[in-house]
Amino acid sequence: MIMAKMHTRMKRRLGISTHKRGNIPSLHKKKGPKTFATEERANEYAKEQGITKFELKSVKKDKRFQIVNLE
């Protein structure tokens, strides 16, 4: 089955080689875990979501915090 020709600008935007008729990569990327800039904001979010047993993990070179559920 031959796919319709895609415009070069769109290929560049999607990171596809411009001189080949290749498969189009999936545009749905996996969403990463939610992170917070401050410990206070992470604790507020956990309280809002009803998470009682959790631990804050320092991520992104100790600039952000991630909630790790212990249950």
PDB file of N, CA and C in Angstrom:
ATOM      1  N   MET A   1       0.843  -1.176   0.000  1.00  0.00           N
ATOM      2  CA  MET A   1       0.000   0.000   0.000  1.00  0.00           C
ATOM      3  C   MET A   1       0.890   1.240   0.000  1.00  0.00           C
ATOM      4  N   ILE A   2       0.624   2.157  -0.897  1.00  0.00           N
ATOM      5  CA  ILE A   2       1.424   3.366  -1.004  1.00  0.00           C
ATOM      6  C   ILE A   2       0.752   4.480  -0.202  1.00  0.00           C
ATOM      7  N   MET A   3       1.556   5.101   0.648  1.00  0.00           N
ATOM      8  CA  MET A   3       1.029   6.195   1.459  1.00  0.00           C
ATOM      9  C   MET A   3       1.039   7.487   0.643  1.00  0.00           C
ATOM     10  N   ALA A   4       0.189   8.413   1.012  1.00  0.00           N
ATOM     11  CA  ALA A   4       0.171   9.708   0.353  1.00  0.00           C
ATOM     12  C   ALA A   4       1.463  10.443   0.649  1.00  0.00           C
ATOM     13  N   LYS A   5       1.886  11.254  -0.301  1.00  0.00           N
ATOM     14  CA  LYS A   5       3.137  11.995  -0.142  1.00  0.00           C
ATOM     15  C   LYS A   5       2.980  13.057   0.949  1.00  0.00           C
ATOM     16  N   MET A   6       3.970  13.121   1.823  1.00  0.00           N
ATOM     17  CA  MET A   6       3.936  14.080   2.918  1.00  0.00           C
ATOM     18  C   MET A   6       4.843  15.266   2.587  1.00  0.00           C
ATOM     19  N   HIS A   7       4.405  16.435   2.942  1.00  0.00           N
ATOM     20  CA  HIS A   7       5.176  17.646   2.660  1.00  0.00           C
ATOM     21  C   HIS A   7       6.472  17.652   3.474  1.00  0.00           C
ATOM     22  N   THR A   8       7.542  18.161   2.872  1.00  0.00           N
ATOM     23  CA  THR A   8       8.865  18.166   3.506  1.00  0.00           C
ATOM     24  C   THR A   8       8.861  18.906   4.838  1.00  0.00           C
ATOM     25  N   ARG A   9       8.109  19.990   4.919  1.00  0.00           N
ATOM     26  CA  ARG A   9       8.049  20.757   6.163  1.00  0.00           C
ATOM     27  C   ARG A   9       7.517  19.899   7.306  1.00  0.00           C
ATOM     28  N   MET A  10       6.497  19.090   7.003  1.00  0.00           N
ATOM     29  CA  MET A  10       5.932  18.211   8.031  1.00  0.00           C
ATOM     30  C   MET A  10       6.931  17.114   8.417  1.00  0.00           C
ATOM     31  N   LYS A  11       7.671  16.606   7.432  1.00  0.00           N
ATOM     32  CA  LYS A  11       8.673  15.595   7.745  1.00  0.00           C
ATOM     33  C   LYS A  11       9.740  16.166   8.688  1.00  0.00           C
ATOM     34  N   ARG A  12      10.169  17.379   8.401  1.00  0.00           N
ATOM     35  CA  ARG A  12      11.162  18.014   9.277  1.00  0.00           C
ATOM     36  C   ARG A  12      10.615  18.202  10.679  1.00  0.00           C
ATOM     37  N   ARG A  13       9.354  18.613  10.772  1.00  0.00           N
ATOM     38  CA  ARG A  13       8.731  18.840  12.078  1.00  0.00           C
ATOM     39  C   ARG A  13       8.637  17.539  12.872  1.00  0.00           C
ATOM     40  N   LEU A  14       8.360  16.426  12.175  1.00  0.00           N
ATOM     41  CA  LEU A  14       8.214  15.136  12.842  1.00  0.00           C
ATOM     42  C   LEU A  14       9.537  14.397  13.023  1.00  0.00           C
ATOM     43  N   GLY A  15      10.613  14.927  12.428  1.00  0.00           N
ATOM     44  CA  GLY A  15      11.921  14.300  12.581  1.00  0.00           C
ATOM     45  C   GLY A  15      12.113  13.089  11.688  1.00  0.00           C
ATOM     46  N   ILE A  16      11.428  13.066  10.546  1.00  0.00           N
ATOM     47  CA  ILE A  16      11.556  11.970   9.590  1.00  0.00           C
ATOM     48  C   ILE A  16      12.549  12.379   8.512  1.00  0.00           C
ATOM     49  N   SER A  17      13.278  11.420   7.986  1.00  0.00           N
ATOM     50  CA  SER A  17      14.197  11.701   6.899  1.00  0.00           C
ATOM     51  C   SER A  17      13.418  12.245   5.698  1.00  0.00           C
ATOM     52  N   THR A  18      13.905  13.335   5.097  1.00  0.00           N
ATOM     53  CA  THR A  18      13.151  14.000   4.032  1.00  0.00           C
ATOM     54  C   THR A  18      13.252  13.282   2.695  1.00  0.00           C
ATOM     55  N   HIS A  19      14.241  12.428   2.498  1.00  0.00           N
ATOM     56  CA  HIS A  19      14.411  11.796   1.200  1.00  0.00           C
ATOM     57  C   HIS A  19      13.879  10.362   1.137  1.00  0.00           C
ATOM     58  N   LYS A  20      13.204   9.909   2.174  1.00  0.00           N
ATOM     59  CA  LYS A  20      12.664   8.551   2.180  1.00  0.00           C
ATOM     60  C   LYS A  20      11.170   8.573   2.462  1.00  0.00           C
ATOM     61  N   ARG A  21      10.496   7.563   1.962  1.00  0.00           N
ATOM     62  CA  ARG A  21       9.078   7.383   2.266  1.00  0.00           C
ATOM     63  C   ARG A  21       8.992   6.378   3.407  1.00  0.00           C
ATOM     64  N   GLY A  22       9.226   6.804   4.591  1.00  0.00           N
ATOM     65  CA  GLY A  22       9.253   5.892   5.724  1.00  0.00           C
ATOM     66  C   GLY A  22       7.952   5.910   6.491  1.00  0.00           C
ATOM     67  N   ASN A  23       7.926   5.126   7.527  1.00  0.00           N
ATOM     68  CA  ASN A  23       6.759   5.094   8.401  1.00  0.00           C
ATOM     69  C   ASN A  23       6.732   6.354   9.251  1.00  0.00           C
ATOM     70  N   ILE A  24       5.548   6.838   9.500  1.00  0.00           N
ATOM     71  CA  ILE A  24       5.383   8.020  10.332  1.00  0.00           C
ATOM     72  C   ILE A  24       5.409   7.571  11.788  1.00  0.00           C
ATOM     73  N   PRO A  25       6.266   8.159  12.616  1.00  0.00           N
ATOM     74  CA  PRO A  25       6.307   7.749  14.025  1.00  0.00           C
ATOM     75  C   PRO A  25       5.044   8.180  14.754  1.00  0.00           C
ATOM     76  N   SER A  26       4.753   7.499  15.824  1.00  0.00           N
ATOM     77  CA  SER A  26       3.580   7.811  16.629  1.00  0.00           C
ATOM     78  C   SER A  26       3.741   9.181  17.275  1.00  0.00           C
ATOM     79  N   LEU A  27       2.688   9.960  17.234  1.00  0.00           N
ATOM     80  CA  LEU A  27       2.729  11.296  17.822  1.00  0.00           C
ATOM     81  C   LEU A  27       2.320  11.285  19.293  1.00  0.00           C
ATOM     82  N   HIS A  28       1.883  10.124  19.771  1.00  0.00           N
ATOM     83  CA  HIS A  28       1.459  10.014  21.162  1.00  0.00           C
ATOM     84  C   HIS A  28       2.645   9.591  22.007  1.00  0.00           C
ATOM     85  N   LYS A  29       3.178  10.510  22.767  1.00  0.00           N
ATOM     86  CA  LYS A  29       4.341  10.213  23.588  1.00  0.00           C
ATOM     87  C   LYS A  29       3.895   9.836  24.992  1.00  0.00           C
ATOM     88  N   LYS A  30       4.664   8.973  25.611  1.00  0.00           N
ATOM     89  CA  LYS A  30       4.359   8.538  26.961  1.00  0.00           C
ATOM     90  C   LYS A  30       4.530   9.714  27.915  1.00  0.00           C
ATOM     91  N   LYS A  31       3.549   9.910  28.753  1.00  0.00           N
ATOM     92  CA  LYS A  31       3.591  11.009  29.697  1.00  0.00           C
ATOM     93  C   LYS A  31       4.402  10.593  30.921  1.00  0.00           C
ATOM     94  N   GLY A  32       5.296  11.437  31.346  1.00  0.00           N
ATOM     95  CA  GLY A  32       6.155  11.139  32.484  1.00  0.00           C
ATOM     96  C   GLY A  32       5.468  11.414  33.812  1.00  0.00           C
ATOM     97  N   PRO A  33       6.115  11.074  34.904  1.00  0.00           N
ATOM     98  CA  PRO A  33       5.524  11.310  36.222  1.00  0.00           C
ATOM     99  C   PRO A  33       5.457  12.796  36.549  1.00  0.00           C
ATOM    100  N   LYS A  34       4.463  13.173  37.351  1.00  0.00           N
ATOM    101  CA  LYS A  34       4.277  14.577  37.730  1.00  0.00           C
ATOM    102  C   LYS A  34       5.353  14.979  38.724  1.00  0.00           C
ATOM    103  N   THR A  35       5.960  16.133  38.489  1.00  0.00           N
ATOM    104  CA  THR A  35       6.998  16.646  39.386  1.00  0.00           C
ATOM    105  C   THR A  35       6.628  18.046  39.846  1.00  0.00           C
ATOM    106  N   PHE A  36       7.217  18.465  40.943  1.00  0.00           N
ATOM    107  CA  PHE A  36       6.895  19.751  41.567  1.00  0.00           C
ATOM    108  C   PHE A  36       8.165  20.525  41.859  1.00  0.00           C
ATOM    109  N   ALA A  37       8.071  21.849  41.807  1.00  0.00           N
ATOM    110  CA  ALA A  37       9.231  22.702  42.027  1.00  0.00           C
ATOM    111  C   ALA A  37       9.587  22.803  43.511  1.00  0.00           C
ATOM    112  N   THR A  38       8.594  22.709  44.382  1.00  0.00           N
ATOM    113  CA  THR A  38       8.866  22.831  45.819  1.00  0.00           C
ATOM    114  C   THR A  38       8.265  21.650  46.578  1.00  0.00           C
ATOM    115  N   GLU A  39       8.828  21.372  47.739  1.00  0.00           N
ATOM    116  CA  GLU A  39       8.294  20.306  48.590  1.00  0.00           C
ATOM    117  C   GLU A  39       6.904  20.655  49.090  1.00  0.00           C
ATOM    118  N   GLU A  40       6.676  21.938  49.370  1.00  0.00           N
ATOM    119  CA  GLU A  40       5.374  22.374  49.875  1.00  0.00           C
ATOM    120  C   GLU A  40       4.275  22.088  48.859  1.00  0.00           C
ATOM    121  N   ARG A  41       4.551  22.389  47.591  1.00  0.00           N
ATOM    122  CA  ARG A  41       3.549  22.158  46.537  1.00  0.00           C
ATOM    123  C   ARG A  41       3.288  20.666  46.359  1.00  0.00           C
ATOM    124  N   ALA A  42       4.329  19.853  46.481  1.00  0.00           N
ATOM    125  CA  ALA A  42       4.160  18.399  46.364  1.00  0.00           C
ATOM    126  C   ALA A  42       3.307  17.864  47.508  1.00  0.00           C
ATOM    127  N   ASN A  43       3.544  18.370  48.712  1.00  0.00           N
ATOM    128  CA  ASN A  43       2.742  17.943  49.864  1.00  0.00           C
ATOM    129  C   ASN A  43       1.291  18.386  49.719  1.00  0.00           C
ATOM    130  N   GLU A  44       1.051  19.590  49.214  1.00  0.00           N
ATOM    131  CA  GLU A  44      -0.315  20.068  48.984  1.00  0.00           C
ATOM    132  C   GLU A  44      -1.040  19.181  47.974  1.00  0.00           C
ATOM    133  N   TYR A  45      -0.344  18.832  46.894  1.00  0.00           N
ATOM    134  CA  TYR A  45      -0.945  18.002  45.855  1.00  0.00           C
ATOM    135  C   TYR A  45      -1.305  16.622  46.416  1.00  0.00           C
ATOM    136  N   ALA A  46      -0.408  16.048  47.213  1.00  0.00           N
ATOM    137  CA  ALA A  46      -0.661  14.733  47.802  1.00  0.00           C
ATOM    138  C   ALA A  46      -1.875  14.787  48.720  1.00  0.00           C
ATOM    139  N   LYS A  47      -1.989  15.865  49.468  1.00  0.00           N
ATOM    140  CA  LYS A  47      -3.134  16.024  50.361  1.00  0.00           C
ATOM    141  C   LYS A  47      -4.436  16.158  49.574  1.00  0.00           C
ATOM    142  N   GLU A  48      -4.402  16.932  48.475  1.00  0.00           N
ATOM    143  CA  GLU A  48      -5.584  17.106  47.621  1.00  0.00           C
ATOM    144  C   GLU A  48      -6.028  15.793  46.993  1.00  0.00           C
ATOM    145  N   GLN A  49      -5.063  14.952  46.611  1.00  0.00           N
ATOM    146  CA  GLN A  49      -5.362  13.685  45.955  1.00  0.00           C
ATOM    147  C   GLN A  49      -5.687  12.570  46.947  1.00  0.00           C
ATOM    148  N   GLY A  50      -5.510  12.829  48.233  1.00  0.00           N
ATOM    149  CA  GLY A  50      -5.802  11.829  49.254  1.00  0.00           C
ATOM    150  C   GLY A  50      -4.706  10.792  49.420  1.00  0.00           C
ATOM    151  N   ILE A  51      -3.499  11.128  49.038  1.00  0.00           N
ATOM    152  CA  ILE A  51      -2.369  10.205  49.186  1.00  0.00           C
ATOM    153  C   ILE A  51      -1.795  10.414  50.583  1.00  0.00           C
ATOM    154  N   THR A  52      -1.826   9.350  51.392  1.00  0.00           N
ATOM    155  CA  THR A  52      -1.369   9.492  52.775  1.00  0.00           C
ATOM    156  C   THR A  52       0.045   8.949  52.972  1.00  0.00           C
ATOM    157  N   LYS A  53       0.319   7.778  52.395  1.00  0.00           N
ATOM    158  CA  LYS A  53       1.650   7.182  52.546  1.00  0.00           C
ATOM    159  C   LYS A  53       2.452   7.450  51.277  1.00  0.00           C
ATOM    160  N   PHE A  54       3.358   8.413  51.358  1.00  0.00           N
ATOM    161  CA  PHE A  54       4.182   8.742  50.203  1.00  0.00           C
ATOM    162  C   PHE A  54       5.534   9.241  50.657  1.00  0.00           C
ATOM    163  N   GLU A  55       6.430   9.285  49.701  1.00  0.00           N
ATOM    164  CA  GLU A  55       7.783   9.767  49.948  1.00  0.00           C
ATOM    165  C   GLU A  55       8.145  10.701  48.795  1.00  0.00           C
ATOM    166  N   LEU A  56       8.862  11.773  49.087  1.00  0.00           N
ATOM    167  CA  LEU A  56       9.282  12.691  48.034  1.00  0.00           C
ATOM    168  C   LEU A  56      10.667  12.290  47.542  1.00  0.00           C
ATOM    169  N   LYS A  57      10.765  12.117  46.229  1.00  0.00           N
ATOM    170  CA  LYS A  57      12.020  11.731  45.598  1.00  0.00           C
ATOM    171  C   LYS A  57      12.570  12.941  44.859  1.00  0.00           C
ATOM    172  N   SER A  58      13.831  13.242  45.043  1.00  0.00           N
ATOM    173  CA  SER A  58      14.466  14.367  44.383  1.00  0.00           C
ATOM    174  C   SER A  58      14.888  13.945  42.980  1.00  0.00           C
ATOM    175  N   VAL A  59      14.405  14.670  41.965  1.00  0.00           N
ATOM    176  CA  VAL A  59      14.694  14.326  40.571  1.00  0.00           C
ATOM    177  C   VAL A  59      15.181  15.551  39.809  1.00  0.00           C
ATOM    178  N   LYS A  60      15.629  15.325  38.585  1.00  0.00           N
ATOM    179  CA  LYS A  60      16.109  16.381  37.690  1.00  0.00           C
ATOM    180  C   LYS A  60      17.199  17.227  38.349  1.00  0.00           C
ATOM    181  N   LYS A  61      18.259  16.532  38.765  1.00  0.00           N
ATOM    182  CA  LYS A  61      19.422  17.174  39.386  1.00  0.00           C
ATOM    183  C   LYS A  61      19.048  17.989  40.619  1.00  0.00           C
ATOM    184  N   ASP A  62      18.199  17.411  41.455  1.00  0.00           N
ATOM    185  CA  ASP A  62      17.756  17.992  42.729  1.00  0.00           C
ATOM    186  C   ASP A  62      17.027  19.322  42.563  1.00  0.00           C
ATOM    187  N   LYS A  63      16.390  19.530  41.412  1.00  0.00           N
ATOM    188  CA  LYS A  63      15.654  20.770  41.197  1.00  0.00           C
ATOM    189  C   LYS A  63      14.145  20.581  41.322  1.00  0.00           C
ATOM    190  N   ARG A  64      13.672  19.320  41.259  1.00  0.00           N
ATOM    191  CA  ARG A  64      12.244  19.069  41.348  1.00  0.00           C
ATOM    192  C   ARG A  64      11.992  17.865  42.259  1.00  0.00           C
ATOM    193  N   PHE A  65      10.726  17.704  42.633  1.00  0.00           N
ATOM    194  CA  PHE A  65      10.344  16.626  43.543  1.00  0.00           C
ATOM    195  C   PHE A  65       9.222  15.805  42.918  1.00  0.00           C
ATOM    196  N   GLN A  66       9.319  14.487  43.134  1.00  0.00           N
ATOM    197  CA  GLN A  66       8.332  13.561  42.607  1.00  0.00           C
ATOM    198  C   GLN A  66       7.744  12.786  43.776  1.00  0.00           C
ATOM    199  N   ILE A  67       6.431  12.552  43.725  1.00  0.00           N
ATOM    200  CA  ILE A  67       5.754  11.790  44.772  1.00  0.00           C
ATOM    201  C   ILE A  67       5.865  10.301  44.455  1.00  0.00           C
ATOM    202  N   VAL A  68       6.383   9.523  45.414  1.00  0.00           N
ATOM    203  CA  VAL A  68       6.486   8.082  45.265  1.00  0.00           C
ATOM    204  C   VAL A  68       5.505   7.466  46.258  1.00  0.00           C
ATOM    205  N   ASN A  69       4.518   6.763  45.737  1.00  0.00           N
ATOM    206  CA  ASN A  69       3.480   6.153  46.576  1.00  0.00           C
ATOM    207  C   ASN A  69       4.033   4.922  47.264  1.00  0.00           C
ATOM    208  N   LEU A  70       3.853   4.784  48.568  1.00  0.00           N
ATOM    209  CA  LEU A  70       4.378   3.657  49.335  1.00  0.00           C
ATOM    210  C   LEU A  70       3.332   2.581  49.563  1.00  0.00           C
ATOM    211  N   GLU A  71       2.126   2.747  49.093  1.00  0.00           N
ATOM    212  CA  GLU A  71       1.075   1.744  49.315  1.00  0.00           C
ATOM    213  C   GLU A  71       1.090   0.681  48.261  1.00  0.00           C
TER     214      GLU A  71
END
